[in-house]
Amino acid sequence: MKNPGSIIKHFNLLLGELEGVYHDISLKMGLSDSVSRILYTLCVFDGRCPLSMICRQTGMSKQTVNSAMRKLEEQGLVILRAAGGKNKEVFLTDEGAGLADRTARRIMEMENHILRSWKEEDVQRYMALTEEFLEALRRKMQDL
């Protein structure tokens, strides 16, 4: 195996480049990264999901999500409703769903187009290795 240090540097470079492409796509669509990620997550969950799930799925801090959510709510793009205790659920409004269709769903279409162009076994291997890396990193995190 190559030097693990150089592999992880390359891995992190690719992750950063990938995030940069998503950032550029969001800018081209007139969205901030946080709004783009929130809309994307809401699309994944058919237009509604717990606020905590948005934080989890996007990897963004509660503060960042709440700040973006306030702006989306002021623009009439989402509605937040109490969901028991301190929990809240987020819903796309009709206007928000329209924006999500023009932006986040287009990103999903681009991703799906790319994945459909790969061999099925390559997609499955990529997903399996990514999940394996994630789970191993979670286990190592417990050592901290």
C-alpha atoms as a PDB file:
ATOM      1  CA  MET A   1       0.000   0.000   0.000  1.00  0.00           C
ATOM      2  CA  LYS A   2       1.074   3.540  -0.707  1.00  0.00           C
ATOM      3  CA  ASN A   3       1.976   5.749   2.212  1.00  0.00           C
ATOM      4  CA  PRO A   4      -1.310   6.145   4.182  1.00  0.00           C
ATOM      5  CA  GLY A   5      -0.413   9.776   4.874  1.00  0.00           C
ATOM      6  CA  SER A   6      -0.284  10.607   1.177  1.00  0.00           C
ATOM      7  CA  ILE A   7      -3.530   8.679   0.571  1.00  0.00           C
ATOM      8  CA  ILE A   8      -5.414  10.627   3.231  1.00  0.00           C
ATOM      9  CA  LYS A   9      -4.000  13.894   1.882  1.00  0.00           C
ATOM     10  CA  HIS A  10      -5.313  12.960  -1.557  1.00  0.00           C
ATOM     11  CA  PHE A  11      -8.649  11.856  -0.040  1.00  0.00           C
ATOM     12  CA  ASN A  12      -9.012  15.163   1.816  1.00  0.00           C
ATOM     13  CA  LEU A  13      -8.034  17.098  -1.309  1.00  0.00           C
ATOM     14  CA  LEU A  14     -10.758  15.293  -3.265  1.00  0.00           C
ATOM     15  CA  LEU A  15     -13.326  15.960  -0.521  1.00  0.00           C
ATOM     16  CA  GLY A  16     -12.391  19.636  -0.515  1.00  0.00           C
ATOM     17  CA  GLU A  17     -12.570  19.819  -4.310  1.00  0.00           C
ATOM     18  CA  LEU A  18     -15.953  18.097  -4.264  1.00  0.00           C
ATOM     19  CA  GLU A  19     -17.261  20.554  -1.668  1.00  0.00           C
ATOM     20  CA  GLY A  20     -15.876  23.355  -3.855  1.00  0.00           C
ATOM     21  CA  VAL A  21     -17.847  22.103  -6.858  1.00  0.00           C
ATOM     22  CA  TYR A  22     -21.038  21.950  -4.776  1.00  0.00           C
ATOM     23  CA  HIS A  23     -20.290  25.493  -3.589  1.00  0.00           C
ATOM     24  CA  ASP A  24     -19.872  26.679  -7.192  1.00  0.00           C
ATOM     25  CA  ILE A  25     -23.114  24.958  -8.231  1.00  0.00           C
ATOM     26  CA  SER A  26     -24.959  26.643  -5.357  1.00  0.00           C
ATOM     27  CA  LEU A  27     -23.554  30.043  -6.351  1.00  0.00           C
ATOM     28  CA  LYS A  28     -24.590  29.515  -9.984  1.00  0.00           C
ATOM     29  CA  MET A  29     -28.109  28.787  -8.715  1.00  0.00           C
ATOM     30  CA  GLY A  30     -28.115  31.912  -6.552  1.00  0.00           C
ATOM     31  CA  LEU A  31     -28.047  30.039  -3.249  1.00  0.00           C
ATOM     32  CA  SER A  32     -25.771  30.049  -0.255  1.00  0.00           C
ATOM     33  CA  ASP A  33     -24.197  26.714   0.624  1.00  0.00           C
ATOM     34  CA  SER A  34     -26.342  26.377   3.732  1.00  0.00           C
ATOM     35  CA  VAL A  35     -29.621  27.066   1.907  1.00  0.00           C
ATOM     36  CA  SER A  36     -28.623  24.704  -0.887  1.00  0.00           C
ATOM     37  CA  ARG A  37     -27.878  21.913   1.595  1.00  0.00           C
ATOM     38  CA  ILE A  38     -31.111  22.497   3.489  1.00  0.00           C
ATOM     39  CA  LEU A  39     -33.203  22.411   0.318  1.00  0.00           C
ATOM     40  CA  TYR A  40     -31.353  19.288  -0.813  1.00  0.00           C
ATOM     41  CA  THR A  41     -32.059  17.542   2.491  1.00  0.00           C
ATOM     42  CA  LEU A  42     -35.718  18.529   2.376  1.00  0.00           C
ATOM     43  CA  CYS A  43     -35.924  17.067  -1.144  1.00  0.00           C
ATOM     44  CA  VAL A  44     -34.390  13.805   0.075  1.00  0.00           C
ATOM     45  CA  PHE A  45     -37.145  13.628   2.702  1.00  0.00           C
ATOM     46  CA  ASP A  46     -39.993  14.615   0.331  1.00  0.00           C
ATOM     47  CA  GLY A  47     -40.349  18.187   1.540  1.00  0.00           C
ATOM     48  CA  ARG A  48     -40.479  17.676   5.302  1.00  0.00           C
ATOM     49  CA  CYS A  49     -38.181  16.433   8.019  1.00  0.00           C
ATOM     50  CA  PRO A  50     -37.103  17.110  11.596  1.00  0.00           C
ATOM     51  CA  LEU A  51     -34.831  20.106  12.044  1.00  0.00           C
ATOM     52  CA  SER A  52     -32.349  17.852  13.852  1.00  0.00           C
ATOM     53  CA  MET A  53     -32.159  15.634  10.745  1.00  0.00           C
ATOM     54  CA  ILE A  54     -31.180  18.629   8.640  1.00  0.00           C
ATOM     55  CA  CYS A  55     -28.293  19.335  11.022  1.00  0.00           C
ATOM     56  CA  ARG A  56     -27.259  15.677  10.925  1.00  0.00           C
ATOM     57  CA  GLN A  57     -27.567  15.204   7.166  1.00  0.00           C
ATOM     58  CA  THR A  58     -25.826  18.441   6.199  1.00  0.00           C
ATOM     59  CA  GLY A  59     -23.060  18.326   8.781  1.00  0.00           C
ATOM     60  CA  MET A  60     -23.749  21.983   9.540  1.00  0.00           C
ATOM     61  CA  SER A  61     -23.911  23.384  13.055  1.00  0.00           C
ATOM     62  CA  LYS A  62     -27.265  24.086  14.699  1.00  0.00           C
ATOM     63  CA  GLN A  63     -26.406  27.786  14.661  1.00  0.00           C
ATOM     64  CA  THR A  64     -25.757  27.773  10.894  1.00  0.00           C
ATOM     65  CA  VAL A  65     -28.904  25.775  10.159  1.00  0.00           C
ATOM     66  CA  ASN A  66     -31.042  27.973  12.424  1.00  0.00           C
ATOM     67  CA  SER A  67     -29.690  31.146  10.821  1.00  0.00           C
ATOM     68  CA  ALA A  68     -30.417  29.879   7.302  1.00  0.00           C
ATOM     69  CA  MET A  69     -33.780  28.516   8.430  1.00  0.00           C
ATOM     70  CA  ARG A  70     -34.841  31.932   9.763  1.00  0.00           C
ATOM     71  CA  LYS A  71     -34.080  33.475   6.360  1.00  0.00           C
ATOM     72  CA  LEU A  72     -35.960  30.729   4.531  1.00  0.00           C
ATOM     73  CA  GLU A  73     -38.905  31.168   6.875  1.00  0.00           C
ATOM     74  CA  GLU A  74     -38.918  34.970   6.386  1.00  0.00           C
ATOM     75  CA  GLN A  75     -38.961  34.411   2.613  1.00  0.00           C
ATOM     76  CA  GLY A  76     -41.932  32.079   2.933  1.00  0.00           C
ATOM     77  CA  LEU A  77     -40.000  29.064   1.653  1.00  0.00           C
ATOM     78  CA  VAL A  78     -40.296  26.857   4.745  1.00  0.00           C
ATOM     79  CA  ILE A  79     -42.552  26.477   7.752  1.00  0.00           C
ATOM     80  CA  LEU A  80     -41.302  25.253  11.123  1.00  0.00           C
ATOM     81  CA  ARG A  81     -43.736  23.454  13.408  1.00  0.00           C
ATOM     82  CA  ALA A  82     -43.356  22.110  16.917  1.00  0.00           C
ATOM     83  CA  ALA A  83     -42.961  18.330  16.937  1.00  0.00           C
ATOM     84  CA  GLY A  84     -42.982  17.542  20.646  1.00  0.00           C
ATOM     85  CA  GLY A  85     -40.650  18.900  23.285  1.00  0.00           C
ATOM     86  CA  LYS A  86     -37.930  21.070  21.809  1.00  0.00           C
ATOM     87  CA  ASN A  87     -38.158  19.251  18.488  1.00  0.00           C
ATOM     88  CA  LYS A  88     -39.270  21.023  15.329  1.00  0.00           C
ATOM     89  CA  GLU A  89     -40.228  19.773  11.912  1.00  0.00           C
ATOM     90  CA  VAL A  90     -39.471  21.699   8.727  1.00  0.00           C
ATOM     91  CA  PHE A  91     -41.864  21.788   5.771  1.00  0.00           C
ATOM     92  CA  LEU A  92     -41.322  23.249   2.320  1.00  0.00           C
ATOM     93  CA  THR A  93     -44.052  25.665   1.296  1.00  0.00           C
ATOM     94  CA  ASP A  94     -45.333  25.567  -2.292  1.00  0.00           C
ATOM     95  CA  GLU A  95     -42.936  28.398  -3.114  1.00  0.00           C
ATOM     96  CA  GLY A  96     -40.107  26.557  -1.350  1.00  0.00           C
ATOM     97  CA  ALA A  97     -40.899  23.368  -3.256  1.00  0.00           C
ATOM     98  CA  GLY A  98     -40.707  25.326  -6.500  1.00  0.00           C
ATOM     99  CA  LEU A  99     -37.294  26.708  -5.557  1.00  0.00           C
ATOM    100  CA  ALA A 100     -36.124  23.256  -4.482  1.00  0.00           C
ATOM    101  CA  ASP A 101     -37.253  21.820  -7.830  1.00  0.00           C
ATOM    102  CA  ARG A 102     -35.257  24.474  -9.705  1.00  0.00           C
ATOM    103  CA  THR A 103     -32.134  24.027  -7.574  1.00  0.00           C
ATOM    104  CA  ALA A 104     -31.630  21.061  -5.245  1.00  0.00           C
ATOM    105  CA  ARG A 105     -33.493  18.611  -7.470  1.00  0.00           C
ATOM    106  CA  ARG A 106     -31.344  19.701 -10.409  1.00  0.00           C
ATOM    107  CA  ILE A 107     -28.257  18.885  -8.338  1.00  0.00           C
ATOM    108  CA  MET A 108     -29.752  15.465  -7.597  1.00  0.00           C
ATOM    109  CA  GLU A 109     -30.382  14.958 -11.308  1.00  0.00           C
ATOM    110  CA  MET A 110     -26.736  15.772 -12.074  1.00  0.00           C
ATOM    111  CA  GLU A 111     -25.551  13.309  -9.435  1.00  0.00           C
ATOM    112  CA  ASN A 112     -27.924  10.607 -10.671  1.00  0.00           C
ATOM    113  CA  HIS A 113     -26.803  11.135 -14.266  1.00  0.00           C
ATOM    114  CA  ILE A 114     -23.190  10.601 -13.233  1.00  0.00           C
ATOM    115  CA  LEU A 115     -23.960   7.516 -11.139  1.00  0.00           C
ATOM    116  CA  ARG A 116     -26.073   6.004 -13.937  1.00  0.00           C
ATOM    117  CA  SER A 117     -23.055   6.345 -16.229  1.00  0.00           C
ATOM    118  CA  TRP A 118     -20.956   4.130 -13.905  1.00  0.00           C
ATOM    119  CA  LYS A 119     -21.050   0.363 -13.839  1.00  0.00           C
ATOM    120  CA  GLU A 120     -23.440  -0.935 -11.180  1.00  0.00           C
ATOM    121  CA  GLU A 121     -20.660  -2.852  -9.418  1.00  0.00           C
ATOM    122  CA  ASP A 122     -18.526   0.308  -9.285  1.00  0.00           C
ATOM    123  CA  VAL A 123     -21.383   2.256  -7.673  1.00  0.00           C
ATOM    124  CA  GLN A 124     -21.931  -0.523  -5.128  1.00  0.00           C
ATOM    125  CA  ARG A 125     -18.205  -0.745  -4.352  1.00  0.00           C
ATOM    126  CA  TYR A 126     -17.899   3.033  -4.000  1.00  0.00           C
ATOM    127  CA  MET A 127     -20.855   3.137  -1.608  1.00  0.00           C
ATOM    128  CA  ALA A 128     -19.638   0.141   0.399  1.00  0.00           C
ATOM    129  CA  LEU A 129     -16.118   1.526   0.800  1.00  0.00           C
ATOM    130  CA  THR A 130     -17.438   4.972   1.744  1.00  0.00           C
ATOM    131  CA  GLU A 131     -19.723   3.443   4.382  1.00  0.00           C
ATOM    132  CA  GLU A 132     -16.878   1.279   5.680  1.00  0.00           C
ATOM    133  CA  PHE A 133     -14.611   4.315   6.003  1.00  0.00           C
ATOM    134  CA  LEU A 134     -17.370   6.268   7.773  1.00  0.00           C
ATOM    135  CA  GLU A 135     -18.049   3.496  10.269  1.00  0.00           C
ATOM    136  CA  ALA A 136     -14.340   2.967  10.956  1.00  0.00           C
ATOM    137  CA  LEU A 137     -13.874   6.689  11.543  1.00  0.00           C
ATOM    138  CA  ARG A 138     -16.851   6.729  13.925  1.00  0.00           C
ATOM    139  CA  ARG A 139     -15.279   3.880  15.887  1.00  0.00           C
ATOM    140  CA  LYS A 140     -11.931   5.704  16.041  1.00  0.00           C
ATOM    141  CA  MET A 141     -13.746   8.834  17.221  1.00  0.00           C
ATOM    142  CA  GLN A 142     -14.776   6.910  20.355  1.00  0.00           C
ATOM    143  CA  ASP A 143     -11.084   6.722  21.296  1.00  0.00           C
ATOM    144  CA  LEU A 144     -10.838  10.504  21.615  1.00  0.00           C
END
